[in-house]
N, C-alpha and C. Protein backbone atom coordinates (compact mmCIF):
# COMPACT_ATOMS: atom_id res chain seq x y z
N MET A 1 0.57 -0.75 0.20
CA MET A 1 -0.05 -0.04 -0.29
C MET A 1 0.93 1.31 -0.36
N ALA A 2 0.78 2.25 -0.91
CA ALA A 2 1.24 3.34 -0.81
C ALA A 2 1.15 4.90 0.24
N VAL A 3 2.30 5.32 0.36
CA VAL A 3 1.58 6.02 1.94
C VAL A 3 1.79 7.26 0.46
N ARG A 4 1.03 8.04 1.18
CA ARG A 4 0.83 9.70 0.63
C ARG A 4 0.97 10.39 1.59
N PRO A 5 2.34 11.01 1.10
CA PRO A 5 3.03 12.24 2.30
C PRO A 5 1.55 13.58 1.94
N ASP A 6 1.89 14.04 2.96
CA ASP A 6 0.96 15.32 3.12
C ASP A 6 1.78 16.63 2.78
N VAL A 7 0.65 17.46 2.16
CA VAL A 7 1.96 19.03 2.39
C VAL A 7 2.78 19.13 2.89
N GLU A 8 2.91 18.82 4.25
CA GLU A 8 4.27 19.72 5.33
C GLU A 8 5.22 18.47 4.79
N GLU A 9 4.65 17.39 4.56
CA GLU A 9 6.00 16.44 4.61
C GLU A 9 6.72 16.84 3.07
N LEU A 10 6.08 17.27 2.19
CA LEU A 10 6.30 17.72 0.56
C LEU A 10 7.37 18.64 1.01
N ARG A 11 6.77 19.93 1.94
CA ARG A 11 7.22 20.86 2.14
C ARG A 11 9.26 20.93 2.67
N ALA A 12 8.77 20.11 3.65
CA ALA A 12 9.90 19.70 4.40
C ALA A 12 11.09 19.02 3.50
N THR A 13 10.47 18.04 2.45
CA THR A 13 11.51 17.28 1.84
C THR A 13 11.69 18.43 1.12
N ARG A 14 11.54 19.15 0.41
CA ARG A 14 12.00 20.50 -0.58
C ARG A 14 12.82 21.03 -0.45
N GLU A 15 12.26 21.61 1.17
CA GLU A 15 13.45 22.07 1.88
C GLU A 15 14.78 21.94 2.35
N ARG A 16 14.77 20.38 2.70
CA ARG A 16 15.83 19.72 2.46
C ARG A 16 16.61 19.50 1.28
N MET A 17 16.17 18.71 0.39
CA MET A 17 16.67 18.90 -1.19
C MET A 17 17.13 19.91 -1.54
N GLU A 18 16.31 21.30 -1.40
CA GLU A 18 16.76 22.90 -2.13
C GLU A 18 18.22 23.03 -1.11
N GLY A 19 18.24 22.68 -0.16
CA GLY A 19 19.19 22.91 0.58
C GLY A 19 21.00 22.30 -0.21
N LYS A 20 20.30 20.91 -0.18
CA LYS A 20 21.48 20.38 -0.49
C LYS A 20 22.13 19.70 -2.04
N TYR A 21 21.11 20.29 -3.25
CA TYR A 21 21.24 20.50 -3.99
C TYR A 21 21.55 21.28 -4.93
N LEU A 22 20.87 22.55 -4.77
CA LEU A 22 21.11 23.81 -5.22
C LEU A 22 22.22 24.98 -4.76
N ALA A 23 23.37 24.26 -4.46
CA ALA A 23 24.64 25.36 -4.49
C ALA A 23 24.99 25.86 -5.80
N GLU A 24 24.68 25.48 -6.75
CA GLU A 24 25.12 25.96 -8.19
C GLU A 24 24.22 26.94 -8.21
N PRO A 25 24.78 28.49 -8.63
CA PRO A 25 23.53 29.55 -9.18
C PRO A 25 22.95 28.88 -10.56
N GLN A 26 23.71 27.76 -11.71
CA GLN A 26 23.11 27.68 -12.47
C GLN A 26 21.84 26.26 -12.68
N MET A 27 22.56 25.94 -11.48
CA MET A 27 21.39 24.61 -11.57
C MET A 27 19.98 25.52 -10.31
N ARG A 28 20.40 26.03 -9.69
CA ARG A 28 19.24 27.14 -8.99
C ARG A 28 18.72 27.44 -9.54
N ALA A 29 18.77 28.36 -10.86
CA ALA A 29 18.37 29.40 -11.47
C ALA A 29 17.21 28.68 -12.54
N LEU A 30 17.52 27.28 -12.61
CA LEU A 30 16.86 26.64 -13.86
C LEU A 30 15.81 25.70 -13.00
N TYR A 31 16.32 25.26 -11.77
CA TYR A 31 15.29 25.34 -10.70
C TYR A 31 14.22 25.96 -10.81
N GLU A 32 14.49 27.27 -10.00
CA GLU A 32 13.45 28.11 -9.70
C GLU A 32 12.80 28.76 -11.17
N GLY A 33 13.30 28.49 -12.41
CA GLY A 33 12.40 28.44 -13.60
C GLY A 33 11.24 27.49 -13.67
N LEU A 34 11.27 26.39 -13.47
CA LEU A 34 10.63 25.33 -13.59
C LEU A 34 9.39 25.27 -12.71
N CYS A 35 9.94 25.79 -11.41
CA CYS A 35 8.76 25.98 -10.41
C CYS A 35 8.12 27.10 -10.56
N ARG A 36 8.41 28.25 -10.73
CA ARG A 36 7.89 29.40 -11.52
C ARG A 36 6.38 28.84 -12.50
N ARG A 37 6.98 27.64 -13.77
CA ARG A 37 6.17 27.18 -14.61
C ARG A 37 5.05 26.66 -13.98
N PHE A 38 5.58 25.69 -12.50
CA PHE A 38 4.74 24.76 -12.05
C PHE A 38 3.37 25.17 -11.48
N ARG A 39 3.99 26.42 -10.66
CA ARG A 39 2.85 27.42 -10.18
C ARG A 39 2.03 28.26 -11.42
N ASP A 40 2.27 28.20 -12.17
CA ASP A 40 1.75 29.34 -13.34
C ASP A 40 0.35 27.88 -13.90
N ASP A 41 1.03 26.78 -13.75
CA ASP A 41 0.35 25.73 -14.75
C ASP A 41 -0.74 24.47 -13.81
N LEU A 42 -0.07 24.72 -12.24
CA LEU A 42 -0.97 23.73 -11.37
C LEU A 42 -1.72 24.65 -10.39
N SER A 43 -2.75 23.94 -10.06
CA SER A 43 -3.59 25.14 -9.71
C SER A 43 -3.46 24.57 -8.06
N ASP A 44 -3.45 23.23 -7.97
CA ASP A 44 -3.00 22.18 -6.24
C ASP A 44 -2.07 22.29 -5.94
N GLU A 45 -1.63 23.11 -4.41
CA GLU A 45 -0.37 22.73 -3.63
C GLU A 45 0.53 21.66 -3.74
N ARG A 46 -0.34 20.59 -3.81
CA ARG A 46 0.57 19.37 -3.58
C ARG A 46 1.01 18.55 -4.62
N ASP A 47 0.41 19.14 -5.82
CA ASP A 47 0.82 19.04 -7.24
C ASP A 47 2.08 19.79 -7.60
N VAL A 48 2.07 21.45 -7.19
CA VAL A 48 3.15 22.44 -7.20
C VAL A 48 4.51 21.41 -6.61
N LEU A 49 4.01 20.61 -5.34
CA LEU A 49 5.20 20.18 -4.41
C LEU A 49 6.01 18.91 -5.08
N LEU A 50 4.79 18.00 -5.49
CA LEU A 50 5.54 17.01 -6.18
C LEU A 50 6.09 17.16 -7.14
N SER A 51 6.06 17.89 -7.99
CA SER A 51 6.35 18.61 -9.26
C SER A 51 8.10 18.94 -9.00
N GLU A 52 7.93 20.00 -8.16
CA GLU A 52 9.20 20.38 -7.68
C GLU A 52 10.60 19.41 -6.98
N CYS A 53 9.69 18.72 -5.86
CA CYS A 53 10.58 17.43 -5.80
C CYS A 53 11.08 16.78 -6.59
N ALA A 54 10.29 16.33 -7.33
CA ALA A 54 10.44 15.30 -8.73
C ALA A 54 11.75 16.09 -9.28
N VAL A 55 11.68 17.47 -9.56
CA VAL A 55 13.14 18.25 -10.08
C VAL A 55 14.41 17.82 -9.45
N LEU A 56 13.78 17.96 -8.34
CA LEU A 56 15.42 17.79 -7.17
C LEU A 56 15.70 16.77 -6.93
N MET A 57 14.50 15.92 -7.37
CA MET A 57 15.05 14.05 -7.57
C MET A 57 16.05 14.08 -8.58
N ALA A 58 15.57 14.71 -9.59
CA ALA A 58 16.37 14.68 -10.69
C ALA A 58 17.38 15.24 -11.14
N ILE A 59 17.82 16.29 -10.43
CA ILE A 59 18.95 17.01 -9.65
C ILE A 59 20.02 16.26 -9.14
N LYS A 60 19.08 15.49 -7.85
CA LYS A 60 20.28 15.00 -7.32
C LYS A 60 20.78 13.50 -8.11
N GLU A 61 20.01 12.94 -9.03
CA GLU A 61 20.39 12.13 -9.35
C GLU A 61 21.67 12.05 -10.57
N GLY A 62 21.68 13.31 -10.79
CA GLY A 62 22.91 13.69 -12.07
C GLY A 62 24.13 14.27 -11.04
N VAL A 63 23.62 15.39 -10.09
CA VAL A 63 24.78 15.38 -9.08
C VAL A 63 25.27 13.73 -8.77
N ARG A 64 24.96 12.80 -8.73
CA ARG A 64 25.47 11.43 -8.12
C ARG A 64 25.40 10.96 -9.67
N GLN A 65 25.70 11.09 -10.32
CA GLN A 65 26.44 10.36 -11.91
C GLN A 65 27.50 11.61 -11.98
N ALA A 66 27.58 12.58 -11.66
CA ALA A 66 28.80 13.68 -12.57
C ALA A 66 29.90 13.04 -11.84
């Protein structure tokens, strides 16, 4: 059975990952641009947070492979 994280858990995860994986200014600028698009395109806060976390997970994987 899947666990559905609530909004507070997603916010905490996003903040933790932002602090860890967005040290590079170019990466932060790319991420922030995508976040603006998510907020423009998605109306549900949970969907926005899930999208932001997904981008951070992709960045994490890219950092790990570099």
